[in-house]
Amino acid sequence: MDSTLTKDLLLIFTRNPEAGKVKKRLAATIGNEAALNIYLHLLAHTAKITRELHAEKWVFYSEEIPQEDIWDKDIFSKKLQQGSDLGERMENAFRSGFEAGFRNIIIIGSDLYDLSKEDLEMAFLELQQAEAVIGPAKDGGYYLLGLKSLSSKIFKKKNWGGSSVFTSTLTDLKNHKLTQLEPRNDIDRFEDLQQHPDLLKLISTKDEEQLF
């Protein structure tokens, strides 16, 4: 890696936006098209808060790498997720970053509406002093994970999407100097959506009639 580049790397995991393949738990309530609209809005939010972050930024797509989308190729390096499950895909992404010479690597998803640029700056700052940093999600997972070195067991034997991911990851990190961030809530269910009136406005009148 060019020594003039930052030592910080942000990994952004995203799904290719396609109706019926994103926000499935939310779609079960509001429908596929409405869930896609919400997801597109969340993608735009994530791109906005990360584009000026002082770190290298790699976006990892779930299915294929599009030529043109909201992720400016002059700002975000585009890559494809590799692995049979989420844990393996995240581990491979971290490994690629460390092999490229980065020292502080943080991974996030692309659908946390409560996340800000300042949150990410604080996470990188904390990672300078700690060996790992983690942001617990209110559903039992985590919305952010930062590492200074690769620990494969963190990504294995997890029920991804289940309520035990955060606690089991803490167990894996018990011998690390760890910093925990404030809990945050992602948008997975209609109840999560109700906390954000501006997102609710994205649901069409037709969709609303099916809900109420």
N, C-alpha and C. Protein backbone atom coordinates (compact mmCIF):
# COMPACT_ATOMS: atom_id res chain seq x y z
N MET A 1 0.84 -1.20 0.00
CA MET A 1 0.00 0.00 0.00
C MET A 1 0.87 1.24 0.00
N ASP A 2 0.49 2.27 -0.69
CA ASP A 2 1.20 3.53 -0.74
C ASP A 2 1.28 4.12 0.67
N SER A 3 2.49 4.44 1.13
CA SER A 3 2.67 4.94 2.49
C SER A 3 2.03 6.30 2.71
N THR A 4 1.69 6.99 1.63
CA THR A 4 1.06 8.29 1.77
C THR A 4 -0.42 8.17 2.10
N LEU A 5 -0.98 6.99 1.97
CA LEU A 5 -2.39 6.80 2.25
C LEU A 5 -2.64 6.68 3.75
N THR A 6 -3.88 6.92 4.15
CA THR A 6 -4.25 6.76 5.55
C THR A 6 -4.10 5.30 5.98
N LYS A 7 -3.89 5.09 7.27
CA LYS A 7 -3.80 3.74 7.81
C LYS A 7 -5.17 3.21 8.19
N ASP A 8 -6.20 4.06 8.05
CA ASP A 8 -7.56 3.68 8.41
C ASP A 8 -8.35 3.24 7.18
N LEU A 9 -9.12 2.17 7.37
CA LEU A 9 -9.93 1.64 6.28
C LEU A 9 -11.35 1.38 6.78
N LEU A 10 -12.33 1.86 6.03
CA LEU A 10 -13.73 1.59 6.33
C LEU A 10 -14.27 0.61 5.30
N LEU A 11 -14.79 -0.51 5.78
CA LEU A 11 -15.44 -1.50 4.93
C LEU A 11 -16.95 -1.28 5.03
N ILE A 12 -17.60 -1.14 3.89
CA ILE A 12 -19.05 -0.94 3.87
C ILE A 12 -19.68 -2.12 3.14
N PHE A 13 -20.45 -2.90 3.87
CA PHE A 13 -21.14 -4.04 3.26
C PHE A 13 -22.52 -3.61 2.80
N THR A 14 -22.84 -3.93 1.55
CA THR A 14 -24.12 -3.53 1.00
C THR A 14 -24.71 -4.64 0.14
N ARG A 15 -26.01 -4.65 0.06
CA ARG A 15 -26.70 -5.55 -0.86
C ARG A 15 -27.05 -4.79 -2.13
N ASN A 16 -26.94 -5.45 -3.26
CA ASN A 16 -27.41 -4.82 -4.49
C ASN A 16 -28.91 -4.57 -4.36
N PRO A 17 -29.33 -3.31 -4.56
CA PRO A 17 -30.74 -2.97 -4.33
C PRO A 17 -31.69 -3.57 -5.37
N GLU A 18 -32.43 -4.56 -4.95
CA GLU A 18 -33.38 -5.22 -5.83
C GLU A 18 -34.60 -5.63 -5.01
N ALA A 19 -35.77 -5.31 -5.52
CA ALA A 19 -37.00 -5.63 -4.81
C ALA A 19 -37.10 -7.12 -4.52
N GLY A 20 -37.45 -7.43 -3.28
CA GLY A 20 -37.57 -8.83 -2.88
C GLY A 20 -36.30 -9.42 -2.32
N LYS A 21 -35.16 -8.69 -2.42
CA LYS A 21 -33.89 -9.20 -1.94
C LYS A 21 -33.26 -8.36 -0.84
N VAL A 22 -33.91 -7.25 -0.51
CA VAL A 22 -33.40 -6.38 0.55
C VAL A 22 -34.49 -6.15 1.58
N LYS A 23 -34.07 -6.00 2.83
CA LYS A 23 -34.99 -5.69 3.93
C LYS A 23 -36.19 -6.63 3.94
N LYS A 24 -35.91 -7.92 3.96
CA LYS A 24 -36.98 -8.91 3.83
C LYS A 24 -37.95 -8.90 5.02
N ARG A 25 -37.40 -8.70 6.22
CA ARG A 25 -38.28 -8.67 7.39
C ARG A 25 -39.19 -7.44 7.34
N LEU A 26 -38.66 -6.34 6.87
CA LEU A 26 -39.46 -5.13 6.71
C LEU A 26 -40.46 -5.30 5.56
N ALA A 27 -40.02 -5.95 4.49
CA ALA A 27 -40.89 -6.17 3.33
C ALA A 27 -42.09 -7.04 3.67
N ALA A 28 -41.94 -7.92 4.65
CA ALA A 28 -43.04 -8.78 5.05
C ALA A 28 -44.23 -7.96 5.55
N THR A 29 -43.95 -6.73 6.00
CA THR A 29 -45.00 -5.85 6.51
C THR A 29 -45.42 -4.79 5.50
N ILE A 30 -44.46 -4.18 4.83
CA ILE A 30 -44.79 -3.03 3.98
C ILE A 30 -44.71 -3.34 2.49
N GLY A 31 -44.27 -4.54 2.12
CA GLY A 31 -44.18 -4.91 0.71
C GLY A 31 -42.79 -4.71 0.15
N ASN A 32 -42.49 -5.41 -0.93
CA ASN A 32 -41.15 -5.39 -1.50
C ASN A 32 -40.73 -4.04 -2.06
N GLU A 33 -41.64 -3.38 -2.77
CA GLU A 33 -41.28 -2.10 -3.40
C GLU A 33 -41.04 -1.02 -2.35
N ALA A 34 -41.90 -0.98 -1.33
CA ALA A 34 -41.73 0.00 -0.26
C ALA A 34 -40.43 -0.26 0.50
N ALA A 35 -40.13 -1.54 0.75
CA ALA A 35 -38.89 -1.89 1.44
C ALA A 35 -37.67 -1.49 0.61
N LEU A 36 -37.77 -1.64 -0.69
CA LEU A 36 -36.68 -1.22 -1.57
C LEU A 36 -36.48 0.29 -1.51
N ASN A 37 -37.58 1.05 -1.51
CA ASN A 37 -37.48 2.51 -1.41
C ASN A 37 -36.79 2.93 -0.11
N ILE A 38 -37.15 2.26 0.98
CA ILE A 38 -36.51 2.55 2.26
C ILE A 38 -35.02 2.22 2.18
N TYR A 39 -34.71 1.09 1.60
CA TYR A 39 -33.30 0.67 1.53
C TYR A 39 -32.48 1.64 0.69
N LEU A 40 -33.04 2.11 -0.42
CA LEU A 40 -32.33 3.07 -1.26
C LEU A 40 -32.05 4.37 -0.49
N HIS A 41 -33.00 4.76 0.35
CA HIS A 41 -32.81 5.96 1.16
C HIS A 41 -31.71 5.73 2.20
N LEU A 42 -31.66 4.54 2.77
CA LEU A 42 -30.63 4.21 3.74
C LEU A 42 -29.25 4.15 3.09
N LEU A 43 -29.19 3.63 1.87
CA LEU A 43 -27.93 3.61 1.12
C LEU A 43 -27.42 5.03 0.90
N ALA A 44 -28.33 5.91 0.51
CA ALA A 44 -27.95 7.30 0.26
C ALA A 44 -27.43 7.96 1.54
N HIS A 45 -28.06 7.65 2.65
CA HIS A 45 -27.60 8.19 3.94
C HIS A 45 -26.18 7.70 4.25
N THR A 46 -25.93 6.42 4.05
CA THR A 46 -24.62 5.85 4.34
C THR A 46 -23.55 6.45 3.43
N ALA A 47 -23.87 6.62 2.16
CA ALA A 47 -22.92 7.24 1.24
C ALA A 47 -22.62 8.68 1.66
N LYS A 48 -23.63 9.39 2.12
CA LYS A 48 -23.46 10.79 2.51
C LYS A 48 -22.54 10.93 3.72
N ILE A 49 -22.72 10.08 4.74
CA ILE A 49 -21.94 10.23 5.98
C ILE A 49 -20.53 9.68 5.86
N THR A 50 -20.27 8.89 4.82
CA THR A 50 -18.94 8.28 4.69
C THR A 50 -18.07 8.93 3.62
N ARG A 51 -18.66 9.64 2.69
CA ARG A 51 -17.88 10.11 1.53
C ARG A 51 -16.74 11.05 1.93
N GLU A 52 -16.90 11.84 2.99
CA GLU A 52 -15.85 12.78 3.40
C GLU A 52 -15.07 12.30 4.61
N LEU A 53 -15.31 11.08 5.03
CA LEU A 53 -14.58 10.52 6.16
C LEU A 53 -13.10 10.36 5.78
N HIS A 54 -12.22 10.75 6.71
CA HIS A 54 -10.78 10.67 6.43
C HIS A 54 -10.30 9.24 6.64
N ALA A 55 -10.60 8.40 5.68
CA ALA A 55 -10.20 7.00 5.68
C ALA A 55 -10.39 6.47 4.27
N GLU A 56 -9.66 5.42 3.95
CA GLU A 56 -9.95 4.73 2.70
C GLU A 56 -11.30 4.03 2.85
N LYS A 57 -12.02 3.90 1.76
CA LYS A 57 -13.37 3.33 1.84
C LYS A 57 -13.56 2.28 0.76
N TRP A 58 -13.89 1.07 1.18
CA TRP A 58 -14.17 -0.02 0.25
C TRP A 58 -15.63 -0.43 0.41
N VAL A 59 -16.35 -0.46 -0.69
CA VAL A 59 -17.74 -0.92 -0.68
C VAL A 59 -17.78 -2.34 -1.23
N PHE A 60 -18.35 -3.25 -0.44
CA PHE A 60 -18.45 -4.65 -0.84
C PHE A 60 -19.89 -4.98 -1.21
N TYR A 61 -20.11 -5.32 -2.47
CA TYR A 61 -21.44 -5.66 -2.97
C TYR A 61 -21.75 -7.14 -2.75
N SER A 62 -23.04 -7.44 -2.63
CA SER A 62 -23.45 -8.83 -2.36
C SER A 62 -23.49 -9.68 -3.62
N GLU A 63 -23.87 -9.09 -4.76
CA GLU A 63 -24.10 -9.88 -5.97
C GLU A 63 -23.17 -9.53 -7.12
N GLU A 64 -23.11 -8.25 -7.44
CA GLU A 64 -22.30 -7.81 -8.59
C GLU A 64 -21.91 -6.35 -8.39
N ILE A 65 -20.89 -5.94 -9.10
CA ILE A 65 -20.39 -4.57 -9.00
C ILE A 65 -20.93 -3.74 -10.15
N PRO A 66 -21.82 -2.79 -9.89
CA PRO A 66 -22.37 -1.95 -10.96
C PRO A 66 -21.35 -0.91 -11.42
N GLN A 67 -21.48 -0.50 -12.64
CA GLN A 67 -20.58 0.52 -13.17
C GLN A 67 -20.88 1.90 -12.58
N GLU A 68 -22.16 2.22 -12.50
CA GLU A 68 -22.56 3.54 -12.00
C GLU A 68 -23.66 3.38 -10.95
N ASP A 69 -23.46 3.99 -9.79
CA ASP A 69 -24.49 4.02 -8.76
C ASP A 69 -24.14 5.15 -7.79
N ILE A 70 -24.72 5.15 -6.60
CA ILE A 70 -24.50 6.26 -5.67
C ILE A 70 -23.10 6.26 -5.07
N TRP A 71 -22.39 5.15 -5.21
CA TRP A 71 -21.04 5.07 -4.66
C TRP A 71 -20.05 5.57 -5.71
N ASP A 72 -19.59 6.80 -5.55
CA ASP A 72 -18.67 7.45 -6.48
C ASP A 72 -17.36 6.66 -6.53
N LYS A 73 -17.01 6.17 -7.71
CA LYS A 73 -15.82 5.33 -7.84
C LYS A 73 -14.52 6.10 -7.59
N ASP A 74 -14.59 7.44 -7.58
CA ASP A 74 -13.41 8.23 -7.25
C ASP A 74 -13.20 8.34 -5.74
N ILE A 75 -14.22 7.94 -4.97
CA ILE A 75 -14.16 8.02 -3.51
C ILE A 75 -14.18 6.64 -2.88
N PHE A 76 -14.99 5.75 -3.44
CA PHE A 76 -15.16 4.41 -2.90
C PHE A 76 -14.58 3.36 -3.85
N SER A 77 -13.75 2.49 -3.32
CA SER A 77 -13.27 1.35 -4.11
C SER A 77 -14.34 0.27 -4.06
N LYS A 78 -14.69 -0.29 -5.20
CA LYS A 78 -15.79 -1.25 -5.29
C LYS A 78 -15.26 -2.68 -5.38
N LYS A 79 -15.81 -3.54 -4.51
CA LYS A 79 -15.37 -4.92 -4.45
C LYS A 79 -16.57 -5.84 -4.27
N LEU A 80 -16.34 -7.12 -4.42
CA LEU A 80 -17.40 -8.11 -4.30
C LEU A 80 -17.18 -8.96 -3.05
N GLN A 81 -18.23 -9.17 -2.28
CA GLN A 81 -18.14 -10.02 -1.10
C GLN A 81 -17.80 -11.45 -1.52
N GLN A 82 -16.95 -12.09 -0.72
CA GLN A 82 -16.50 -13.44 -1.01
C GLN A 82 -16.71 -14.33 0.21
N GLY A 83 -17.49 -15.40 0.06
CA GLY A 83 -17.70 -16.31 1.17
C GLY A 83 -19.09 -16.90 1.17
N SER A 84 -19.27 -17.98 1.93
CA SER A 84 -20.53 -18.70 1.92
C SER A 84 -21.55 -18.16 2.91
N ASP A 85 -21.09 -17.43 3.94
CA ASP A 85 -22.02 -16.79 4.86
C ASP A 85 -21.46 -15.44 5.26
N LEU A 86 -22.24 -14.68 6.05
CA LEU A 86 -21.83 -13.32 6.40
C LEU A 86 -20.49 -13.31 7.13
N GLY A 87 -20.30 -14.25 8.04
CA GLY A 87 -19.05 -14.29 8.79
C GLY A 87 -17.84 -14.47 7.90
N GLU A 88 -17.93 -15.40 6.98
CA GLU A 88 -16.81 -15.65 6.07
C GLU A 88 -16.57 -14.46 5.15
N ARG A 89 -17.64 -13.81 4.73
CA ARG A 89 -17.49 -12.64 3.85
C ARG A 89 -16.82 -11.48 4.58
N MET A 90 -17.22 -11.27 5.85
CA MET A 90 -16.59 -10.20 6.62
C MET A 90 -15.13 -10.52 6.92
N GLU A 91 -14.85 -11.76 7.28
CA GLU A 91 -13.48 -12.15 7.56
C GLU A 91 -12.58 -11.94 6.34
N ASN A 92 -13.07 -12.31 5.18
CA ASN A 92 -12.28 -12.13 3.95
C ASN A 92 -12.05 -10.66 3.64
N ALA A 93 -13.04 -9.83 3.94
CA ALA A 93 -12.88 -8.39 3.71
C ALA A 93 -11.83 -7.80 4.64
N PHE A 94 -11.89 -8.17 5.92
CA PHE A 94 -10.87 -7.72 6.86
C PHE A 94 -9.48 -8.21 6.44
N ARG A 95 -9.41 -9.47 6.04
CA ARG A 95 -8.11 -10.02 5.64
C ARG A 95 -7.53 -9.23 4.46
N SER A 96 -8.36 -8.91 3.50
CA SER A 96 -7.88 -8.14 2.34
C SER A 96 -7.35 -6.78 2.78
N GLY A 97 -8.02 -6.17 3.75
CA GLY A 97 -7.58 -4.86 4.23
C GLY A 97 -6.25 -4.93 4.95
N PHE A 98 -6.10 -5.91 5.82
CA PHE A 98 -4.83 -6.05 6.54
C PHE A 98 -3.69 -6.41 5.59
N GLU A 99 -3.98 -7.27 4.61
CA GLU A 99 -2.95 -7.64 3.64
C GLU A 99 -2.54 -6.44 2.79
N ALA A 100 -3.43 -5.47 2.63
CA ALA A 100 -3.12 -4.27 1.87
C ALA A 100 -2.32 -3.26 2.69
N GLY A 101 -2.16 -3.53 3.99
CA GLY A 101 -1.32 -2.68 4.82
C GLY A 101 -2.05 -1.75 5.76
N PHE A 102 -3.37 -1.82 5.81
CA PHE A 102 -4.13 -0.97 6.73
C PHE A 102 -3.99 -1.51 8.16
N ARG A 103 -4.02 -0.59 9.12
CA ARG A 103 -3.81 -0.97 10.52
C ARG A 103 -5.08 -0.89 11.36
N ASN A 104 -5.95 0.01 11.02
CA ASN A 104 -7.21 0.18 11.74
C ASN A 104 -8.35 -0.02 10.76
N ILE A 105 -9.11 -1.09 10.93
CA ILE A 105 -10.16 -1.41 9.97
C ILE A 105 -11.50 -1.52 10.68
N ILE A 106 -12.49 -0.84 10.15
CA ILE A 106 -13.84 -0.86 10.70
C ILE A 106 -14.81 -1.30 9.62
N ILE A 107 -15.76 -2.14 10.00
CA ILE A 107 -16.79 -2.58 9.07
C ILE A 107 -18.16 -2.11 9.56
N ILE A 108 -18.99 -1.67 8.62
CA ILE A 108 -20.38 -1.30 8.91
C ILE A 108 -21.26 -1.86 7.80
N GLY A 109 -22.55 -1.89 8.06
CA GLY A 109 -23.51 -2.18 7.00
C GLY A 109 -23.87 -0.88 6.30
N SER A 110 -24.92 -0.93 5.52
CA SER A 110 -25.28 0.26 4.74
C SER A 110 -26.70 0.72 5.04
N ASP A 111 -27.24 0.31 6.21
CA ASP A 111 -28.65 0.60 6.45
C ASP A 111 -28.93 1.07 7.88
N LEU A 112 -27.94 1.72 8.51
CA LEU A 112 -28.16 2.23 9.86
C LEU A 112 -28.43 3.73 9.79
N TYR A 113 -29.67 4.11 9.94
CA TYR A 113 -30.07 5.51 9.79
C TYR A 113 -29.59 6.38 10.94
N ASP A 114 -29.32 5.77 12.10
CA ASP A 114 -28.87 6.53 13.26
C ASP A 114 -27.37 6.80 13.25
N LEU A 115 -26.66 6.25 12.30
CA LEU A 115 -25.20 6.41 12.27
C LEU A 115 -24.82 7.74 11.63
N SER A 116 -23.78 8.38 12.18
CA SER A 116 -23.32 9.67 11.66
C SER A 116 -21.82 9.61 11.34
N LYS A 117 -21.36 10.60 10.60
CA LYS A 117 -19.93 10.71 10.30
C LYS A 117 -19.14 10.85 11.59
N GLU A 118 -19.69 11.58 12.56
CA GLU A 118 -19.02 11.79 13.84
C GLU A 118 -18.88 10.47 14.61
N ASP A 119 -19.88 9.61 14.49
CA ASP A 119 -19.79 8.28 15.13
C ASP A 119 -18.61 7.49 14.56
N LEU A 120 -18.44 7.55 13.25
CA LEU A 120 -17.36 6.81 12.62
C LEU A 120 -15.99 7.40 12.98
N GLU A 121 -15.92 8.71 13.04
CA GLU A 121 -14.67 9.35 13.45
C GLU A 121 -14.29 8.95 14.88
N MET A 122 -15.30 8.90 15.77
CA MET A 122 -15.06 8.49 17.14
C MET A 122 -14.61 7.03 17.22
N ALA A 123 -15.22 6.19 16.40
CA ALA A 123 -14.85 4.77 16.40
C ALA A 123 -13.40 4.58 15.98
N PHE A 124 -12.96 5.29 14.95
CA PHE A 124 -11.56 5.20 14.53
C PHE A 124 -10.63 5.75 15.61
N LEU A 125 -11.05 6.81 16.28
CA LEU A 125 -10.26 7.38 17.36
C LEU A 125 -10.10 6.38 18.50
N GLU A 126 -11.20 5.72 18.85
CA GLU A 126 -11.14 4.71 19.91
C GLU A 126 -10.26 3.53 19.52
N LEU A 127 -10.28 3.18 18.25
CA LEU A 127 -9.51 2.03 17.78
C LEU A 127 -8.01 2.30 17.84
N GLN A 128 -7.61 3.55 17.86
CA GLN A 128 -6.19 3.86 18.00
C GLN A 128 -5.65 3.42 19.36
N GLN A 129 -6.53 3.43 20.38
CA GLN A 129 -6.12 3.08 21.73
C GLN A 129 -6.46 1.64 22.11
N ALA A 130 -7.45 1.07 21.44
CA ALA A 130 -7.92 -0.28 21.77
C ALA A 130 -7.49 -1.27 20.69
N GLU A 131 -7.72 -2.55 20.97
CA GLU A 131 -7.45 -3.60 19.99
C GLU A 131 -8.68 -3.89 19.15
N ALA A 132 -9.86 -3.54 19.70
CA ALA A 132 -11.12 -3.76 18.99
C ALA A 132 -12.15 -2.76 19.48
N VAL A 133 -13.09 -2.45 18.63
CA VAL A 133 -14.21 -1.58 18.99
C VAL A 133 -15.47 -2.19 18.41
N ILE A 134 -16.56 -2.12 19.17
CA ILE A 134 -17.80 -2.74 18.70
C ILE A 134 -18.99 -1.87 19.08
N GLY A 135 -19.96 -1.78 18.18
CA GLY A 135 -21.18 -1.04 18.42
C GLY A 135 -22.36 -1.99 18.49
N PRO A 136 -22.94 -2.20 19.66
CA PRO A 136 -24.05 -3.14 19.79
C PRO A 136 -25.33 -2.62 19.16
N ALA A 137 -26.02 -3.49 18.46
CA ALA A 137 -27.33 -3.16 17.91
C ALA A 137 -28.39 -3.66 18.89
N LYS A 138 -29.52 -2.98 18.94
CA LYS A 138 -30.55 -3.29 19.93
C LYS A 138 -31.23 -4.63 19.67
N ASP A 139 -31.01 -5.21 18.49
CA ASP A 139 -31.62 -6.50 18.19
C ASP A 139 -30.72 -7.68 18.57
N GLY A 140 -29.58 -7.38 19.20
CA GLY A 140 -28.68 -8.45 19.63
C GLY A 140 -27.49 -8.68 18.73
N GLY A 141 -27.41 -7.96 17.63
CA GLY A 141 -26.25 -8.03 16.75
C GLY A 141 -25.31 -6.86 17.02
N TYR A 142 -24.53 -6.49 16.01
CA TYR A 142 -23.73 -5.28 16.13
C TYR A 142 -23.77 -4.54 14.80
N TYR A 143 -23.66 -3.21 14.91
CA TYR A 143 -23.73 -2.37 13.71
C TYR A 143 -22.37 -1.90 13.24
N LEU A 144 -21.34 -2.12 14.06
CA LEU A 144 -19.98 -1.69 13.73
C LEU A 144 -19.00 -2.61 14.44
N LEU A 145 -17.94 -2.96 13.74
CA LEU A 145 -16.86 -3.75 14.33
C LEU A 145 -15.54 -3.21 13.81
N GLY A 146 -14.64 -2.91 14.72
CA GLY A 146 -13.32 -2.43 14.33
C GLY A 146 -12.23 -3.31 14.91
N LEU A 147 -11.21 -3.60 14.12
CA LEU A 147 -10.12 -4.47 14.54
C LEU A 147 -8.76 -3.90 14.13
N LYS A 148 -7.73 -4.22 14.94
CA LYS A 148 -6.36 -3.88 14.59
C LYS A 148 -5.61 -5.08 14.05
N SER A 149 -6.19 -6.27 14.23
CA SER A 149 -5.61 -7.49 13.69
C SER A 149 -6.73 -8.49 13.47
N LEU A 150 -6.50 -9.46 12.62
CA LEU A 150 -7.54 -10.41 12.26
C LEU A 150 -7.64 -11.52 13.30
N SER A 151 -8.85 -11.77 13.77
CA SER A 151 -9.14 -12.87 14.69
C SER A 151 -10.27 -13.69 14.08
N SER A 152 -9.93 -14.81 13.49
CA SER A 152 -10.90 -15.57 12.70
C SER A 152 -12.09 -16.07 13.51
N LYS A 153 -11.88 -16.39 14.79
CA LYS A 153 -12.98 -16.98 15.56
C LYS A 153 -14.15 -16.01 15.74
N ILE A 154 -13.89 -14.72 15.62
CA ILE A 154 -14.97 -13.73 15.72
C ILE A 154 -16.05 -13.98 14.68
N PHE A 155 -15.66 -14.53 13.56
CA PHE A 155 -16.57 -14.66 12.41
C PHE A 155 -17.12 -16.08 12.24
N LYS A 156 -16.85 -16.94 13.18
CA LYS A 156 -17.27 -18.33 13.04
C LYS A 156 -18.29 -18.71 14.12
N LYS A 157 -19.10 -19.72 13.80
CA LYS A 157 -20.07 -20.28 14.73
C LYS A 157 -21.02 -19.22 15.28
N LYS A 158 -21.57 -18.41 14.38
CA LYS A 158 -22.53 -17.38 14.76
C LYS A 158 -23.85 -17.61 14.04
N ASN A 159 -24.94 -17.32 14.74
CA ASN A 159 -26.26 -17.35 14.12
C ASN A 159 -26.54 -15.95 13.59
N TRP A 160 -25.97 -15.66 12.40
CA TRP A 160 -26.07 -14.32 11.84
C TRP A 160 -27.53 -13.92 11.64
N GLY A 161 -27.86 -12.75 12.16
CA GLY A 161 -29.24 -12.30 12.13
C GLY A 161 -29.99 -12.64 13.40
N GLY A 162 -29.38 -13.45 14.27
CA GLY A 162 -29.99 -13.84 15.53
C GLY A 162 -29.65 -12.86 16.64
N SER A 163 -30.20 -13.11 17.83
CA SER A 163 -30.06 -12.19 18.96
C SER A 163 -28.82 -12.46 19.81
N SER A 164 -28.02 -13.47 19.45
CA SER A 164 -26.86 -13.84 20.28
C SER A 164 -25.53 -13.41 19.67
N VAL A 165 -25.56 -12.75 18.53
CA VAL A 165 -24.31 -12.42 17.82
C VAL A 165 -23.42 -11.51 18.65
N PHE A 166 -24.00 -10.48 19.25
CA PHE A 166 -23.19 -9.53 20.00
C PHE A 166 -22.54 -10.19 21.22
N THR A 167 -23.32 -10.91 22.01
CA THR A 167 -22.77 -11.52 23.22
C THR A 167 -21.72 -12.58 22.90
N SER A 168 -21.94 -13.37 21.86
CA SER A 168 -20.95 -14.38 21.51
C SER A 168 -19.67 -13.75 20.95
N THR A 169 -19.83 -12.61 20.27
CA THR A 169 -18.65 -11.89 19.78
C THR A 169 -17.86 -11.30 20.94
N LEU A 170 -18.56 -10.80 21.96
CA LEU A 170 -17.88 -10.30 23.15
C LEU A 170 -17.05 -11.41 23.80
N THR A 171 -17.59 -12.61 23.84
CA THR A 171 -16.86 -13.75 24.39
C THR A 171 -15.58 -14.00 23.59
N ASP A 172 -15.69 -13.92 22.28
CA ASP A 172 -14.52 -14.12 21.42
C ASP A 172 -13.46 -13.04 21.63
N LEU A 173 -13.91 -11.86 22.05
CA LEU A 173 -13.00 -10.72 22.21
C LEU A 173 -12.57 -10.51 23.66
N LYS A 174 -12.82 -11.48 24.54
CA LYS A 174 -12.58 -11.28 25.97
C LYS A 174 -11.11 -11.02 26.31
N ASN A 175 -10.21 -11.47 25.46
CA ASN A 175 -8.79 -11.24 25.71
C ASN A 175 -8.24 -10.02 24.96
N HIS A 176 -9.13 -9.27 24.35
CA HIS A 176 -8.74 -8.06 23.63
C HIS A 176 -9.06 -6.82 24.47
N LYS A 177 -8.27 -5.78 24.29
CA LYS A 177 -8.62 -4.48 24.86
C LYS A 177 -9.73 -3.91 24.00
N LEU A 178 -10.94 -3.91 24.55
CA LEU A 178 -12.15 -3.64 23.75
C LEU A 178 -12.85 -2.37 24.21
N THR A 179 -13.32 -1.59 23.24
CA THR A 179 -14.16 -0.43 23.51
C THR A 179 -15.55 -0.67 22.94
N GLN A 180 -16.57 -0.45 23.77
CA GLN A 180 -17.94 -0.56 23.30
C GLN A 180 -18.51 0.82 23.03
N LEU A 181 -19.21 0.95 21.91
CA LEU A 181 -19.87 2.20 21.55
C LEU A 181 -21.30 2.18 22.07
N GLU A 182 -22.00 3.29 21.86
CA GLU A 182 -23.40 3.39 22.26
C GLU A 182 -24.25 2.44 21.41
N PRO A 183 -25.25 1.81 22.01
CA PRO A 183 -26.16 0.95 21.23
C PRO A 183 -26.93 1.77 20.20
N ARG A 184 -27.21 1.16 19.09
CA ARG A 184 -27.99 1.80 18.03
C ARG A 184 -29.00 0.79 17.48
N ASN A 185 -30.00 1.32 16.81
CA ASN A 185 -31.07 0.48 16.28
C ASN A 185 -31.08 0.56 14.76
N ASP A 186 -31.05 -0.59 14.09
CA ASP A 186 -31.13 -0.57 12.63
C ASP A 186 -32.60 -0.69 12.20
N ILE A 187 -32.82 -0.57 10.92
CA ILE A 187 -34.19 -0.57 10.38
C ILE A 187 -34.47 -1.94 9.79
N ASP A 188 -35.00 -2.83 10.60
CA ASP A 188 -35.29 -4.18 10.13
C ASP A 188 -36.78 -4.50 10.13
N ARG A 189 -37.52 -3.85 11.02
CA ARG A 189 -38.95 -4.13 11.15
C ARG A 189 -39.73 -2.83 11.09
N PHE A 190 -41.04 -2.96 10.92
CA PHE A 190 -41.89 -1.78 10.83
C PHE A 190 -41.82 -0.95 12.11
N GLU A 191 -41.65 -1.62 13.25
CA GLU A 191 -41.54 -0.91 14.52
C GLU A 191 -40.31 0.01 14.53
N ASP A 192 -39.23 -0.43 13.88
CA ASP A 192 -38.03 0.40 13.77
C ASP A 192 -38.31 1.61 12.89
N LEU A 193 -39.06 1.39 11.84
CA LEU A 193 -39.38 2.44 10.88
C LEU A 193 -40.23 3.53 11.52
N GLN A 194 -41.09 3.15 12.44
CA GLN A 194 -41.99 4.11 13.07
C GLN A 194 -41.26 5.16 13.89
N GLN A 195 -40.02 4.90 14.23
CA GLN A 195 -39.23 5.86 15.01
C GLN A 195 -38.67 6.97 14.13
N HIS A 196 -38.86 6.86 12.81
CA HIS A 196 -38.29 7.83 11.87
C HIS A 196 -39.39 8.32 10.92
N PRO A 197 -40.11 9.38 11.30
CA PRO A 197 -41.22 9.88 10.48
C PRO A 197 -40.82 10.22 9.04
N ASP A 198 -39.59 10.68 8.83
CA ASP A 198 -39.16 11.02 7.48
C ASP A 198 -39.05 9.78 6.60
N LEU A 199 -38.71 8.64 7.20
CA LEU A 199 -38.69 7.39 6.44
C LEU A 199 -40.09 6.87 6.17
N LEU A 200 -40.98 7.06 7.13
CA LEU A 200 -42.37 6.64 6.95
C LEU A 200 -43.01 7.33 5.76
N LYS A 201 -42.58 8.55 5.49
CA LYS A 201 -43.14 9.31 4.37
C LYS A 201 -42.82 8.66 3.03
N LEU A 202 -41.81 7.79 3.00
CA LEU A 202 -41.43 7.14 1.75
C LEU A 202 -42.39 6.02 1.37
N ILE A 203 -43.23 5.62 2.31
CA ILE A 203 -44.22 4.57 2.03
C ILE A 203 -45.41 5.19 1.32
N SER A 204 -45.80 4.62 0.20
CA SER A 204 -46.89 5.18 -0.59
C SER A 204 -48.24 5.01 0.12
N THR A 205 -49.22 5.78 -0.33
CA THR A 205 -50.56 5.69 0.24
C THR A 205 -51.11 4.28 0.10
N LYS A 206 -50.84 3.65 -1.02
CA LYS A 206 -51.31 2.27 -1.25
C LYS A 206 -50.70 1.32 -0.21
N ASP A 207 -49.43 1.51 0.07
CA ASP A 207 -48.78 0.67 1.06
C ASP A 207 -49.36 0.91 2.45
N GLU A 208 -49.65 2.18 2.75
CA GLU A 208 -50.20 2.53 4.06
C GLU A 208 -51.55 1.89 4.28
N GLU A 209 -52.35 1.81 3.23
CA GLU A 209 -53.67 1.21 3.35
C GLU A 209 -53.59 -0.24 3.75
N GLN A 210 -52.51 -0.90 3.39
CA GLN A 210 -52.33 -2.31 3.76
C GLN A 210 -51.89 -2.47 5.19
N LEU A 211 -51.36 -1.38 5.79
CA LEU A 211 -50.83 -1.46 7.14
C LEU A 211 -51.85 -1.09 8.21
N PHE A 212 -52.69 -0.12 7.91
CA PHE A 212 -53.56 0.43 8.94
C PHE A 212 -55.03 0.15 8.66
